[in-house]
Amino acid sequence: MLDPWYVTGLIEGEGTFGVSFNLRRRLRVGIETRPYFAISLNQRNLELIKSLRDYFSCGGIRFSRGDNTYKYEVRSIDDLTEKIIPHFEKYPLQGDKRRDFETFKKICQMVRQNWHLSKKYLPEIIDLAYSMNCSGKRKYKKKALLRELAR
């Protein structure tokens, strides 16, 4: 069993709290919103990745051939709000990632309340998401999502 503070420290250095968006014409708002928690580690750390999955009792692991890493990822809103977020509330992050976590937590609460399905609230979720992980890659620019939402 992993030490909870070790888990927090590992995520502080290597983890990500994020939100992905995809255009989905079949949805009323036209945009799919998916919060996620993830960590990627070199393939030699597969056992550690498996230990993280066991520690949180949720999520999945996949291999990335592009950079020879394993990625542990949690996307279920129930698992995020009932397992991932409570861990970091009890064993808080200490660095810059804490700000992203607090924003992520707010977004997950909004998604849990189905606010991502409302054109009234989705712009706020998009604004919050784009304030996180400023150096991360994004499939869509914020303006493109907001333009799609205005249709």
Protein backbone atom coordinates (compact mmCIF):
# COMPACT_ATOMS: atom_id res chain seq x y z
CA MET A 1 0.00 0.00 0.00
CA LEU A 2 1.32 3.41 -0.97
CA ASP A 3 1.81 6.14 1.63
CA PRO A 4 -0.85 8.84 1.00
CA TRP A 5 1.69 11.66 1.30
CA TYR A 6 3.93 9.90 -1.21
CA VAL A 7 0.99 9.77 -3.62
CA THR A 8 0.40 13.52 -3.20
CA GLY A 9 4.09 14.27 -3.74
CA LEU A 10 4.24 12.09 -6.83
CA ILE A 11 1.20 13.82 -8.31
CA GLU A 12 2.63 17.23 -7.40
CA GLY A 13 5.57 16.47 -9.67
CA GLU A 14 4.14 14.23 -12.37
CA GLY A 15 0.32 14.38 -12.28
CA THR A 16 -2.27 16.42 -14.11
CA PHE A 17 -5.74 17.66 -13.33
CA GLY A 18 -7.43 18.67 -16.56
CA VAL A 19 -10.56 19.05 -18.63
CA SER A 20 -10.86 18.05 -22.27
CA PHE A 21 -13.47 19.34 -24.68
CA ASN A 22 -14.72 17.76 -27.88
CA LEU A 23 -17.24 19.02 -30.41
CA ARG A 24 -20.26 16.74 -30.43
CA ARG A 25 -23.08 17.88 -32.71
CA ARG A 26 -25.49 15.35 -31.19
CA LEU A 27 -25.27 17.08 -27.79
CA ARG A 28 -27.65 19.96 -27.12
CA VAL A 29 -24.77 22.30 -26.23
CA GLY A 30 -22.55 20.88 -29.00
CA ILE A 31 -19.56 20.36 -26.68
CA GLU A 32 -18.59 17.35 -24.60
CA THR A 33 -16.86 18.23 -21.30
CA ARG A 34 -14.61 15.60 -19.68
CA PRO A 35 -12.63 16.27 -16.50
CA TYR A 36 -9.72 13.91 -15.91
CA PHE A 37 -6.91 13.11 -13.51
CA ALA A 38 -3.78 11.49 -14.96
CA ILE A 39 -0.15 10.64 -14.41
CA SER A 40 2.37 9.34 -16.95
CA LEU A 41 5.52 7.48 -15.95
CA ASN A 42 8.28 5.71 -17.85
CA GLN A 43 7.49 2.10 -18.74
CA ARG A 44 9.95 0.87 -16.11
CA ASN A 45 7.52 2.26 -13.48
CA LEU A 46 4.57 0.09 -14.49
CA GLU A 47 4.33 -1.46 -11.02
CA LEU A 48 4.10 2.02 -9.48
CA ILE A 49 1.33 2.95 -11.95
CA LYS A 50 -0.52 -0.25 -11.00
CA SER A 51 -0.07 0.62 -7.32
CA LEU A 52 -1.67 4.02 -7.93
CA ARG A 53 -4.64 2.38 -9.64
CA ASP A 54 -4.96 -0.02 -6.71
CA TYR A 55 -4.58 2.82 -4.18
CA PHE A 56 -7.46 4.81 -5.72
CA SER A 57 -9.49 1.68 -6.71
CA CYS A 58 -10.55 3.23 -10.00
CA GLY A 59 -9.34 4.35 -13.40
CA GLY A 60 -7.39 2.65 -16.13
CA ILE A 61 -3.86 2.21 -17.43
CA ARG A 62 -2.71 2.47 -21.03
CA PHE A 63 0.64 2.34 -22.78
CA SER A 64 1.89 5.13 -25.03
CA ARG A 65 4.33 3.88 -27.68
CA GLY A 66 5.22 7.45 -28.65
CA ASP A 67 7.16 8.11 -25.46
CA ASN A 68 7.31 4.63 -23.84
CA THR A 69 5.20 5.62 -20.86
CA TYR A 70 2.27 4.18 -19.02
CA LYS A 71 -0.56 6.53 -18.21
CA TYR A 72 -2.93 6.08 -15.30
CA GLU A 73 -6.12 8.04 -15.90
CA VAL A 74 -9.45 8.58 -14.13
CA ARG A 75 -12.34 10.14 -16.09
CA SER A 76 -15.46 8.96 -14.25
CA ILE A 77 -17.03 11.98 -12.56
CA ASP A 78 -18.15 9.75 -9.69
CA ASP A 79 -14.62 8.42 -9.15
CA LEU A 80 -13.15 11.91 -9.44
CA THR A 81 -15.52 13.37 -6.87
CA GLU A 82 -15.66 10.38 -4.51
CA LYS A 83 -12.07 9.09 -4.62
CA ILE A 84 -9.56 11.44 -6.25
CA ILE A 85 -10.72 14.80 -4.87
CA PRO A 86 -11.16 13.54 -1.27
CA HIS A 87 -7.57 12.24 -1.30
CA PHE A 88 -6.18 15.67 -2.16
CA GLU A 89 -8.45 17.37 0.35
CA LYS A 90 -7.09 15.11 3.09
CA TYR A 91 -3.47 15.13 1.83
CA PRO A 92 -3.21 18.54 0.13
CA LEU A 93 -0.82 19.53 -2.60
CA GLN A 94 1.75 22.10 -1.50
CA GLY A 95 2.94 23.71 -4.75
CA ASP A 96 1.49 25.46 -7.79
CA LYS A 97 -0.59 22.42 -8.69
CA ARG A 98 -2.81 23.15 -5.69
CA ARG A 99 -4.38 26.07 -7.58
CA ASP A 100 -5.15 23.81 -10.55
CA PHE A 101 -6.59 21.23 -8.17
CA GLU A 102 -8.94 23.78 -6.58
CA THR A 103 -10.14 24.87 -10.02
CA PHE A 104 -10.50 21.23 -11.09
CA LYS A 105 -12.54 20.48 -7.97
CA LYS A 106 -14.91 23.35 -8.77
CA ILE A 107 -15.31 22.14 -12.37
CA CYS A 108 -16.04 18.57 -11.20
CA GLN A 109 -18.72 19.89 -8.83
CA MET A 110 -20.28 21.82 -11.73
CA VAL A 111 -20.19 18.77 -14.00
CA ARG A 112 -21.69 16.61 -11.27
CA GLN A 113 -24.59 19.09 -11.16
CA ASN A 114 -24.89 18.80 -14.98
CA TRP A 115 -24.00 22.46 -15.51
CA HIS A 116 -21.83 21.41 -18.46
CA LEU A 117 -25.08 20.60 -20.29
CA SER A 118 -26.27 24.21 -20.06
CA LYS A 119 -25.29 27.01 -22.44
CA LYS A 120 -25.69 29.34 -19.46
CA TYR A 121 -22.96 27.69 -17.34
CA LEU A 122 -20.67 26.00 -19.89
CA PRO A 123 -18.79 29.25 -20.71
CA GLU A 124 -17.79 29.50 -17.03
CA ILE A 125 -16.54 25.90 -17.07
CA ILE A 126 -14.55 26.61 -20.24
CA ASP A 127 -13.05 29.76 -18.69
CA LEU A 128 -12.05 27.85 -15.56
CA ALA A 129 -10.59 24.93 -17.55
CA TYR A 130 -8.49 27.24 -19.72
CA SER A 131 -7.07 28.91 -16.58
CA MET A 132 -5.50 25.54 -15.64
CA ASN A 133 -2.41 23.83 -17.08
CA CYS A 134 -1.45 26.85 -19.15
CA SER A 135 1.47 24.99 -20.72
CA GLY A 136 -0.64 21.99 -21.72
CA LYS A 137 -1.76 21.12 -25.25
CA ARG A 138 -5.34 21.80 -26.24
CA LYS A 139 -7.28 20.36 -29.16
CA TYR A 140 -9.45 23.49 -29.44
CA LYS A 141 -8.74 27.11 -28.70
CA LYS A 142 -10.99 28.71 -26.08
CA LYS A 143 -12.44 31.15 -28.64
CA ALA A 144 -13.43 28.29 -30.95
CA LEU A 145 -15.35 26.56 -28.15
CA LEU A 146 -17.13 29.75 -27.13
CA ARG A 147 -17.98 30.47 -30.78
CA GLU A 148 -19.42 26.95 -31.13
CA LEU A 149 -21.46 27.46 -27.99
CA ALA A 150 -22.94 30.71 -29.37
CA ARG A 151 -24.45 28.89 -32.37
